[in-house]
C-alpha atoms as a PDB file:
ATOM      1  CA  MET A   1      11.124 -64.332  41.886  1.00  0.00           C
ATOM      2  CA  ASN A   2       9.251 -64.822  38.825  1.00  0.00           C
ATOM      3  CA  LEU A   3       9.250 -61.150  37.954  1.00  0.00           C
ATOM      4  CA  GLU A   4      13.108 -60.992  38.473  1.00  0.00           C
ATOM      5  CA  MET A   5      13.537 -64.082  36.191  1.00  0.00           C
ATOM      6  CA  THR A   6      11.283 -62.564  33.482  1.00  0.00           C
ATOM      7  CA  PHE A   7      13.240 -59.305  33.667  1.00  0.00           C
ATOM      8  CA  ASN A   8      16.529 -61.172  33.261  1.00  0.00           C
ATOM      9  CA  ASN A   9      15.376 -63.163  30.529  1.00  0.00           C
ATOM     10  CA  SER A  10      14.038 -60.021  28.753  1.00  0.00           C
ATOM     11  CA  VAL A  11      17.366 -58.331  29.123  1.00  0.00           C
ATOM     12  CA  MET A  12      19.233 -61.394  27.901  1.00  0.00           C
ATOM     13  CA  GLU A  13      17.034 -61.741  24.919  1.00  0.00           C
ATOM     14  CA  TYR A  14      17.449 -57.933  24.110  1.00  0.00           C
ATOM     15  CA  ILE A  15      21.226 -58.159  24.398  1.00  0.00           C
ATOM     16  CA  LEU A  16      21.346 -61.454  22.181  1.00  0.00           C
ATOM     17  CA  ASN A  17      18.936 -59.737  19.523  1.00  0.00           C
ATOM     18  CA  LYS A  18      21.269 -56.745  19.397  1.00  0.00           C
ATOM     19  CA  LEU A  19      24.293 -59.006  19.095  1.00  0.00           C
ATOM     20  CA  ALA A  20      22.546 -61.155  16.516  1.00  0.00           C
ATOM     21  CA  ALA A  21      21.728 -58.115  14.398  1.00  0.00           C
ATOM     22  CA  LEU A  22      25.289 -56.896  14.504  1.00  0.00           C
ATOM     23  CA  GLY A  23      26.432 -60.472  13.331  1.00  0.00           C
ATOM     24  CA  LEU A  24      24.180 -60.272  10.419  1.00  0.00           C
ATOM     25  CA  LEU A  25      25.394 -56.725   9.421  1.00  0.00           C
ATOM     26  CA  VAL A  26      29.126 -57.882   9.747  1.00  0.00           C
ATOM     27  CA  PHE A  27      28.214 -60.918   7.633  1.00  0.00           C
ATOM     28  CA  ILE A  28      26.632 -58.856   4.976  1.00  0.00           C
ATOM     29  CA  MET A  29      29.750 -56.501   5.134  1.00  0.00           C
ATOM     30  CA  CYS A  30      32.111 -59.568   4.733  1.00  0.00           C
ATOM     31  CA  ILE A  31      30.161 -60.618   1.667  1.00  0.00           C
ATOM     32  CA  TYR A  32      30.760 -57.382   0.148  1.00  0.00           C
ATOM     33  CA  ILE A  33      34.330 -57.425   0.910  1.00  0.00           C
ATOM     34  CA  ILE A  34      34.945 -60.826  -0.436  1.00  0.00           C
ATOM     35  CA  LEU A  35      32.986 -59.915  -3.688  1.00  0.00           C
ATOM     36  CA  GLY A  36      35.039 -56.742  -3.886  1.00  0.00           C
ATOM     37  CA  THR A  37      38.321 -58.801  -3.695  1.00  0.00           C
ATOM     38  CA  GLU A  38      37.049 -61.168  -6.227  1.00  0.00           C
ATOM     39  CA  PHE A  39      37.295 -64.069  -3.824  1.00  0.00           C
ATOM     40  CA  ASP A  40      40.971 -63.475  -2.865  1.00  0.00           C
ATOM     41  CA  LEU A  41      40.966 -65.050   0.487  1.00  0.00           C
ATOM     42  CA  TYR A  42      44.238 -63.575   1.555  1.00  0.00           C
ATOM     43  CA  GLU A  43      43.167 -60.119   0.816  1.00  0.00           C
ATOM     44  CA  PHE A  44      39.778 -60.853   2.494  1.00  0.00           C
ATOM     45  CA  THR A  45      41.467 -61.990   5.660  1.00  0.00           C
ATOM     46  CA  GLU A  46      43.750 -58.942   5.652  1.00  0.00           C
ATOM     47  CA  SER A  47      40.678 -56.615   5.426  1.00  0.00           C
ATOM     48  CA  ILE A  48      38.941 -58.368   8.345  1.00  0.00           C
ATOM     49  CA  SER A  49      42.168 -58.567  10.591  1.00  0.00           C
ATOM     50  CA  ASN A  50      41.972 -54.960  11.790  1.00  0.00           C
ATOM     51  CA  ILE A  51      40.299 -55.604  15.147  1.00  0.00           C
ATOM     52  CA  LYS A  52      40.388 -52.052  16.179  1.00  0.00           C
ATOM     53  CA  VAL A  53      38.439 -50.877  13.032  1.00  0.00           C
ATOM     54  CA  TRP A  54      35.810 -53.609  13.634  1.00  0.00           C
ATOM     55  CA  GLY A  55      35.655 -52.808  17.376  1.00  0.00           C
ATOM     56  CA  LEU A  56      34.914 -49.066  16.595  1.00  0.00           C
ATOM     57  CA  ILE A  57      32.285 -50.049  14.185  1.00  0.00           C
ATOM     58  CA  CYS A  58      30.488 -52.517  16.377  1.00  0.00           C
ATOM     59  CA  GLY A  59      30.952 -50.297  19.513  1.00  0.00           C
ATOM     60  CA  TYR A  60      29.426 -47.424  17.826  1.00  0.00           C
ATOM     61  CA  ALA A  61      26.486 -49.424  16.403  1.00  0.00           C
ATOM     62  CA  LEU A  62      25.713 -50.846  19.972  1.00  0.00           C
ATOM     63  CA  VAL A  63      26.023 -47.440  21.757  1.00  0.00           C
ATOM     64  CA  MET A  64      23.803 -45.682  19.280  1.00  0.00           C
ATOM     65  CA  THR A  65      21.069 -48.378  19.148  1.00  0.00           C
ATOM     66  CA  VAL A  66      20.819 -48.566  22.933  1.00  0.00           C
ATOM     67  CA  LEU A  67      20.573 -44.658  23.150  1.00  0.00           C
ATOM     68  CA  ILE A  68      17.855 -44.696  20.575  1.00  0.00           C
ATOM     69  CA  ASP A  69      15.961 -47.494  22.545  1.00  0.00           C
ATOM     70  CA  LEU A  70      16.316 -45.258  25.641  1.00  0.00           C
ATOM     71  CA  VAL A  71      14.645 -42.370  23.833  1.00  0.00           C
ATOM     72  CA  ARG A  72      11.987 -44.799  22.630  1.00  0.00           C
ATOM     73  CA  TYR A  73      11.093 -46.339  25.842  1.00  0.00           C
ATOM     74  CA  LYS A  74      11.966 -43.565  28.470  1.00  0.00           C
ATOM     75  CA  TRP A  75      11.266 -40.264  26.976  1.00  0.00           C
ATOM     76  CA  ARG A  76       9.302 -40.454  23.856  1.00  0.00           C
ATOM     77  CA  GLU A  77       7.474 -43.229  21.993  1.00  0.00           C
ATOM     78  CA  VAL A  78       8.546 -43.526  18.496  1.00  0.00           C
ATOM     79  CA  THR A  79       7.414 -45.614  15.736  1.00  0.00           C
ATOM     80  CA  TYR A  80       9.172 -48.507  14.045  1.00  0.00           C
ATOM     81  CA  LYS A  81       9.886 -46.261  10.930  1.00  0.00           C
ATOM     82  CA  THR A  82      11.208 -43.392  13.044  1.00  0.00           C
ATOM     83  CA  SER A  83      13.510 -45.661  14.902  1.00  0.00           C
ATOM     84  CA  ILE A  84      14.956 -46.916  11.684  1.00  0.00           C
ATOM     85  CA  LEU A  85      15.356 -43.238  10.447  1.00  0.00           C
ATOM     86  CA  LEU A  86      17.139 -42.430  13.687  1.00  0.00           C
ATOM     87  CA  HIS A  87      19.557 -45.387  13.118  1.00  0.00           C
ATOM     88  CA  CYS A  88      20.269 -44.152   9.569  1.00  0.00           C
ATOM     89  CA  LEU A  89      20.934 -40.645  10.740  1.00  0.00           C
ATOM     90  CA  ALA A  90      23.343 -41.912  13.451  1.00  0.00           C
ATOM     91  CA  GLY A  91      25.257 -43.825  10.654  1.00  0.00           C
ATOM     92  CA  PHE A  92      25.250 -40.870   8.347  1.00  0.00           C
ATOM     93  CA  ILE A  93      26.466 -38.076  10.816  1.00  0.00           C
ATOM     94  CA  VAL A  94      29.268 -40.061  12.401  1.00  0.00           C
ATOM     95  CA  PHE A  95      31.919 -39.150   9.685  1.00  0.00           C
ATOM     96  CA  PHE A  96      31.309 -35.368   9.636  1.00  0.00           C
ATOM     97  CA  PRO A  97      33.153 -34.462  12.845  1.00  0.00           C
ATOM     98  CA  PHE A  98      36.251 -36.283  11.591  1.00  0.00           C
ATOM     99  CA  MET A  99      36.223 -35.570   7.862  1.00  0.00           C
ATOM    100  CA  GLY A 100      34.147 -32.306   7.626  1.00  0.00           C
ATOM    101  CA  ILE A 101      31.293 -31.660   5.238  1.00  0.00           C
ATOM    102  CA  ASN A 102      32.593 -32.648   1.730  1.00  0.00           C
ATOM    103  CA  LEU A 103      31.787 -35.179  -0.967  1.00  0.00           C
ATOM    104  CA  PHE A 104      33.953 -38.040   0.694  1.00  0.00           C
ATOM    105  CA  SER A 105      32.046 -37.573   4.026  1.00  0.00           C
ATOM    106  CA  LEU A 106      28.719 -37.643   2.108  1.00  0.00           C
ATOM    107  CA  ILE A 107      29.723 -40.911   0.425  1.00  0.00           C
ATOM    108  CA  ALA A 108      30.884 -42.380   3.659  1.00  0.00           C
ATOM    109  CA  GLY A 109      27.693 -41.114   5.608  1.00  0.00           C
ATOM    110  CA  SER A 110      25.487 -42.754   2.864  1.00  0.00           C
ATOM    111  CA  VAL A 111      27.211 -46.078   3.280  1.00  0.00           C
ATOM    112  CA  GLY A 112      27.117 -45.567   7.158  1.00  0.00           C
ATOM    113  CA  ALA A 113      23.352 -44.993   6.765  1.00  0.00           C
ATOM    114  CA  LEU A 114      22.881 -48.000   4.774  1.00  0.00           C
ATOM    115  CA  CYS A 115      24.693 -50.159   7.312  1.00  0.00           C
ATOM    116  CA  ALA A 116      22.468 -48.656  10.012  1.00  0.00           C
ATOM    117  CA  PHE A 117      19.508 -49.588   8.038  1.00  0.00           C
ATOM    118  CA  ILE A 118      20.435 -53.014   7.745  1.00  0.00           C
ATOM    119  CA  TYR A 119      21.380 -53.236  11.478  1.00  0.00           C
ATOM    120  CA  ALA A 120      18.113 -51.728  12.604  1.00  0.00           C
ATOM    121  CA  PHE A 121      15.986 -53.921  10.212  1.00  0.00           C
ATOM    122  CA  SER A 122      17.879 -56.988  11.214  1.00  0.00           C
ATOM    123  CA  TYR A 123      17.125 -56.384  14.989  1.00  0.00           C
ATOM    124  CA  TYR A 124      13.320 -56.167  14.328  1.00  0.00           C
ATOM    125  CA  PHE A 125      13.849 -59.186  12.043  1.00  0.00           C
ATOM    126  CA  PHE A 126      15.441 -61.299  14.836  1.00  0.00           C
ATOM    127  CA  GLU A 127      12.592 -60.189  17.367  1.00  0.00           C
ATOM    128  CA  LYS A 128      10.127 -62.105  14.909  1.00  0.00           C
ATOM    129  CA  LYS A 129      12.618 -64.970  14.025  1.00  0.00           C
ATOM    130  CA  LYS A 130      14.171 -65.846  17.461  1.00  0.00           C
ATOM    131  CA  GLN A 131      15.210 -69.329  16.183  1.00  0.00           C
ATOM    132  CA  LEU A 132      17.663 -67.754  14.096  1.00  0.00           C
ATOM    133  CA  VAL A 133      19.619 -65.669  16.598  1.00  0.00           C
ATOM    134  CA  TRP A 134      22.141 -68.214  17.581  1.00  0.00           C
ATOM    135  CA  ILE A 135      22.947 -68.941  13.862  1.00  0.00           C
ATOM    136  CA  SER A 136      23.842 -65.296  13.480  1.00  0.00           C
ATOM    137  CA  LEU A 137      25.977 -65.096  16.537  1.00  0.00           C
ATOM    138  CA  LEU A 138      28.187 -67.789  14.975  1.00  0.00           C
ATOM    139  CA  VAL A 139      29.588 -64.988  12.656  1.00  0.00           C
ATOM    140  CA  PHE A 140      31.935 -63.665  15.236  1.00  0.00           C
ATOM    141  CA  PRO A 141      33.774 -66.929  16.396  1.00  0.00           C
ATOM    142  CA  LEU A 142      33.849 -67.844  12.649  1.00  0.00           C
ATOM    143  CA  LEU A 143      35.609 -64.699  11.648  1.00  0.00           C
ATOM    144  CA  LEU A 144      37.973 -64.952  14.700  1.00  0.00           C
ATOM    145  CA  CYS A 145      38.912 -68.409  13.225  1.00  0.00           C
ATOM    146  CA  ILE A 146      39.138 -67.404   9.603  1.00  0.00           C
ATOM    147  CA  ARG A 147      41.638 -64.611  10.290  1.00  0.00           C
ATOM    148  CA  LEU A 148      44.064 -67.059  11.949  1.00  0.00           C
ATOM    149  CA  PHE A 149      44.608 -68.780   8.544  1.00  0.00           C
ATOM    150  CA  ASP A 150      47.319 -67.669   6.158  1.00  0.00           C
ATOM    151  CA  PHE A 151      45.942 -67.996   2.587  1.00  0.00           C
ATOM    152  CA  THR A 152      49.148 -67.007   0.815  1.00  0.00           C
ATOM    153  CA  ILE A 153      49.726 -68.620  -2.500  1.00  0.00           C
ATOM    154  CA  LYS A 154      53.466 -69.363  -3.673  1.00  0.00           C
ATOM    155  CA  GLU A 155      53.940 -71.199  -6.955  1.00  0.00           C
ATOM    156  CA  ASP A 156      57.293 -72.478  -8.064  1.00  0.00           C
ATOM    157  CA  TRP A 157      58.703 -70.487  -4.964  1.00  0.00           C
ATOM    158  CA  THR A 158      62.517 -70.761  -4.447  1.00  0.00           C
ATOM    159  CA  GLU A 159      64.292 -68.561  -1.912  1.00  0.00           C
ATOM    160  CA  GLU A 160      67.599 -67.968  -0.528  1.00  0.00           C
ATOM    161  CA  LYS A 161      68.426 -66.472   2.967  1.00  0.00           C
ATOM    162  CA  THR A 162      71.501 -65.128   4.566  1.00  0.00           C
ATOM    163  CA  LYS A 163      72.087 -63.074   7.878  1.00  0.00           C
ATOM    164  CA  SER A 164      71.538 -59.840   5.908  1.00  0.00           C
ATOM    165  CA  SER A 165      69.595 -60.747   2.692  1.00  0.00           C
ATOM    166  CA  PHE A 166      66.627 -62.588   1.185  1.00  0.00           C
ATOM    167  CA  SER A 167      65.778 -63.455  -2.256  1.00  0.00           C
ATOM    168  CA  ALA A 168      62.938 -65.336  -3.889  1.00  0.00           C
ATOM    169  CA  GLU A 169      61.833 -66.255  -7.528  1.00  0.00           C
ATOM    170  CA  PHE A 170      58.345 -67.394  -8.242  1.00  0.00           C
ATOM    171  CA  GLU A 171      55.709 -67.877 -10.865  1.00  0.00           C
ATOM    172  CA  ARG A 172      53.038 -66.631  -8.793  1.00  0.00           C
ATOM    173  CA  PHE A 173      52.979 -64.822  -5.285  1.00  0.00           C
ATOM    174  CA  ASN A 174      49.652 -63.768  -3.921  1.00  0.00           C
ATOM    175  CA  GLY A 175      49.933 -62.890  -0.186  1.00  0.00           C
ATOM    176  CA  LYS A 176      52.743 -62.244   2.165  1.00  0.00           C
ATOM    177  CA  ASN A 177      56.206 -63.382   3.108  1.00  0.00           C
ATOM    178  CA  GLU A 178      57.792 -62.594   6.582  1.00  0.00           C
ATOM    179  CA  ILE A 179      61.656 -61.817   6.967  1.00  0.00           C
ATOM    180  CA  PRO A 180      62.500 -61.660  10.676  1.00  0.00           C
ATOM    181  CA  ILE A 181      65.422 -59.419  11.638  1.00  0.00           C
ATOM    182  CA  SER A 182      66.800 -59.582  15.349  1.00  0.00           C
ATOM    183  CA  LEU A 183      67.725 -56.053  16.443  1.00  0.00           C
ATOM    184  CA  LYS A 184      69.025 -54.355  19.651  1.00  0.00           C
ATOM    185  CA  LYS A 185      67.481 -51.066  21.042  1.00  0.00           C
ATOM    186  CA  GLY A 186      68.961 -48.156  19.104  1.00  0.00           C
ATOM    187  CA  ASP A 187      69.824 -50.144  15.946  1.00  0.00           C
ATOM    188  CA  VAL A 188      69.343 -48.301  12.665  1.00  0.00           C
ATOM    189  CA  VAL A 189      68.373 -50.417   9.738  1.00  0.00           C
ATOM    190  CA  THR A 190      68.779 -49.444   6.144  1.00  0.00           C
ATOM    191  CA  SER A 191      66.921 -51.893   3.653  1.00  0.00           C
ATOM    192  CA  TYR A 192      67.156 -52.233   0.023  1.00  0.00           C
ATOM    193  CA  ILE A 193      64.082 -53.900  -1.337  1.00  0.00           C
ATOM    194  CA  SER A 194      63.913 -54.693  -4.947  1.00  0.00           C
ATOM    195  CA  PHE A 195      61.074 -55.970  -7.170  1.00  0.00           C
ATOM    196  CA  ASP A 196      61.758 -57.520 -10.547  1.00  0.00           C
ATOM    197  CA  GLN A 197      58.236 -57.546 -11.892  1.00  0.00           C
ATOM    198  CA  MET A 198      57.540 -59.939 -14.835  1.00  0.00           C
ATOM    199  CA  ASN A 199      53.704 -59.334 -15.083  1.00  0.00           C
ATOM    200  CA  GLU A 200      51.146 -56.811 -13.925  1.00  0.00           C
ATOM    201  CA  GLY A 201      50.816 -58.034 -10.388  1.00  0.00           C
ATOM    202  CA  GLY A 202      51.199 -55.550  -7.586  1.00  0.00           C
ATOM    203  CA  TYR A 203      53.459 -55.643  -4.651  1.00  0.00           C
ATOM    204  CA  GLY A 204      54.288 -53.746  -1.318  1.00  0.00           C
ATOM    205  CA  TYR A 205      56.113 -54.012   1.871  1.00  0.00           C
ATOM    206  CA  HIS A 206      55.892 -52.949   5.519  1.00  0.00           C
ATOM    207  CA  ILE A 207      57.507 -53.567   8.991  1.00  0.00           C
ATOM    208  CA  LEU A 208      56.145 -54.822  12.328  1.00  0.00           C
ATOM    209  CA  ASP A 209      57.892 -54.688  15.786  1.00  0.00           C
ATOM    210  CA  ASN A 210      57.705 -57.755  18.122  1.00  0.00           C
ATOM    211  CA  ASN A 211      54.275 -56.460  19.280  1.00  0.00           C
ATOM    212  CA  GLY A 212      52.828 -56.608  15.786  1.00  0.00           C
ATOM    213  CA  LYS A 213      52.625 -52.804  15.495  1.00  0.00           C
ATOM    214  CA  LEU A 214      53.583 -50.948  12.303  1.00  0.00           C
ATOM    215  CA  VAL A 215      57.003 -49.450  12.490  1.00  0.00           C
ATOM    216  CA  GLU A 216      57.428 -45.904  11.042  1.00  0.00           C
ATOM    217  CA  MET A 217      60.063 -45.872   8.300  1.00  0.00           C
ATOM    218  CA  LYS A 218      61.366 -43.230   5.925  1.00  0.00           C
ATOM    219  CA  GLU A 219      62.233 -43.639   2.251  1.00  0.00           C
ATOM    220  CA  LEU A 220      65.757 -42.716   1.066  1.00  0.00           C
ATOM    221  CA  GLU A 221      65.938 -41.277  -2.313  1.00  0.00           C
ATOM    222  CA  GLU A 222      69.627 -42.156  -3.255  1.00  0.00           C
ATOM    223  CA  LEU A 223      70.995 -45.646  -3.724  1.00  0.00           C
ATOM    224  CA  GLU A 224      74.317 -46.475  -2.239  1.00  0.00           C
ATOM    225  CA  ASP A 225      76.949 -47.295  -4.927  1.00  0.00           C
ATOM    226  CA  THR A 226      77.357 -50.759  -3.415  1.00  0.00           C
ATOM    227  CA  TYR A 227      73.800 -51.643  -4.678  1.00  0.00           C
ATOM    228  CA  GLY A 228      74.148 -49.939  -8.064  1.00  0.00           C
ATOM    229  CA  GLU A 229      73.017 -53.112  -9.763  1.00  0.00           C
ATOM    230  CA  TYR A 230      69.510 -52.507  -8.564  1.00  0.00           C
ATOM    231  CA  ARG A 231      69.271 -49.149 -10.385  1.00  0.00           C
ATOM    232  CA  ASP A 232      67.688 -50.843 -13.570  1.00  0.00           C
ATOM    233  CA  ILE A 233      64.805 -52.295 -11.548  1.00  0.00           C
ATOM    234  CA  ASP A 234      62.246 -50.994  -8.979  1.00  0.00           C
ATOM    235  CA  THR A 235      64.202 -50.600  -5.817  1.00  0.00           C
ATOM    236  CA  ASN A 236      63.036 -48.940  -2.523  1.00  0.00           C
ATOM    237  CA  VAL A 237      65.533 -47.840   0.065  1.00  0.00           C
ATOM    238  CA  ILE A 238      64.114 -47.577   3.599  1.00  0.00           C
ATOM    239  CA  GLN A 239      65.403 -46.855   6.994  1.00  0.00           C
ATOM    240  CA  PHE A 240      63.998 -47.295  10.369  1.00  0.00           C
ATOM    241  CA  ASN A 241      65.085 -47.305  14.016  1.00  0.00           C
ATOM    242  CA  ALA A 242      64.608 -50.109  16.619  1.00  0.00           C
ATOM    243  CA  GLU A 243      62.986 -48.384  19.641  1.00  0.00           C
ATOM    244  CA  LYS A 244      63.414 -51.405  21.644  1.00  0.00           C
ATOM    245  CA  ALA A 245      65.247 -54.872  21.428  1.00  0.00           C
ATOM    246  CA  GLY A 246      63.477 -57.817  19.705  1.00  0.00           C
ATOM    247  CA  ILE A 247      62.558 -59.537  16.504  1.00  0.00           C
ATOM    248  CA  TYR A 248      61.328 -57.225  13.840  1.00  0.00           C
ATOM    249  CA  ILE A 249      59.380 -58.520  10.726  1.00  0.00           C
ATOM    250  CA  LEU A 250      59.868 -57.028   7.327  1.00  0.00           C
ATOM    251  CA  ILE A 251      56.939 -58.169   5.330  1.00  0.00           C
ATOM    252  CA  VAL A 252      56.878 -58.091   1.451  1.00  0.00           C
ATOM    253  CA  THR A 253      53.572 -58.736  -0.262  1.00  0.00           C
ATOM    254  CA  GLY A 254      52.507 -59.747  -3.735  1.00  0.00           C
ATOM    255  CA  ASP A 255      49.247 -59.376  -5.586  1.00  0.00           C
ATOM    256  CA  ASN A 256      49.280 -62.301  -8.089  1.00  0.00           C
ATOM    257  CA  LEU A 257      52.804 -61.296  -8.720  1.00  0.00           C
ATOM    258  CA  LYS A 258      55.385 -63.117 -10.984  1.00  0.00           C
ATOM    259  CA  GLY A 259      59.140 -62.350 -10.854  1.00  0.00           C
ATOM    260  CA  LYS A 260      61.747 -62.049  -8.278  1.00  0.00           C
ATOM    261  CA  ILE A 261      62.262 -60.151  -4.837  1.00  0.00           C
ATOM    262  CA  ASP A 262      65.617 -59.235  -3.416  1.00  0.00           C
ATOM    263  CA  VAL A 263      65.966 -57.803   0.062  1.00  0.00           C
ATOM    264  CA  LYS A 264      69.191 -56.541   1.643  1.00  0.00           C
ATOM    265  CA  TRP A 265      69.755 -54.752   4.930  1.00  0.00           C
ATOM    266  CA  GLU A 266      72.512 -53.181   6.944  1.00  0.00           C
ATOM    267  CA  ILE A 267      72.415 -52.584  10.586  1.00  0.00           C
ATOM    268  CA  ASP A 268      74.282 -49.677  12.309  1.00  0.00           C
END
């Protein structure tokens, strides 16, 4: 009984240490991201909101570290330094099957090797500092909570809405604004999105279906005569099909933008 409890405790400790090391790696990556965005909380939350990408990163790290441990304990004893080198190798080669051998894959592989080194070092660190394991594990629920907040900034924002249009003027827009469009299955939507830019801020747009997935859209080169007044400003004409009925969300984004946004749409 005592032997079984000891084994279970060892397994649990092993799992917690692996997750804590992963939490520390994710925390360091988040620090890099928020520094890269110059503390733009909206851009930061958008960067960490892609659960699939983070799931692939974390899943690959856990699978490879377990395989390396199996090599260490089942087949061949390796030293601490060799184990770290194996982790770095795993982080380095993962990009080559998808990107081939080129400059970009070498750069990505170098970043992957650095992340793998941080992960391997963190695991050995937590083996020595067990009291810090639970602090590192707080990273995951903390990130899940942060991504639920919308850090969009709208200063002096005034907007007008109709059933087929949306417009807004503002002194500063940093983040996103959602425009819901109710559609039936098979509807074809043509949207005219105009940005009247009064500073050097950036902007963009995309469309989500009622499941939160990106909708494929195509750019139309020619403007209809009806919307000829938009020829003097940056206007994008896009078209997409509603594959199923529901509320579709047209999202316009701003990066410290000042000016005006006009959106019109037609449903056929």
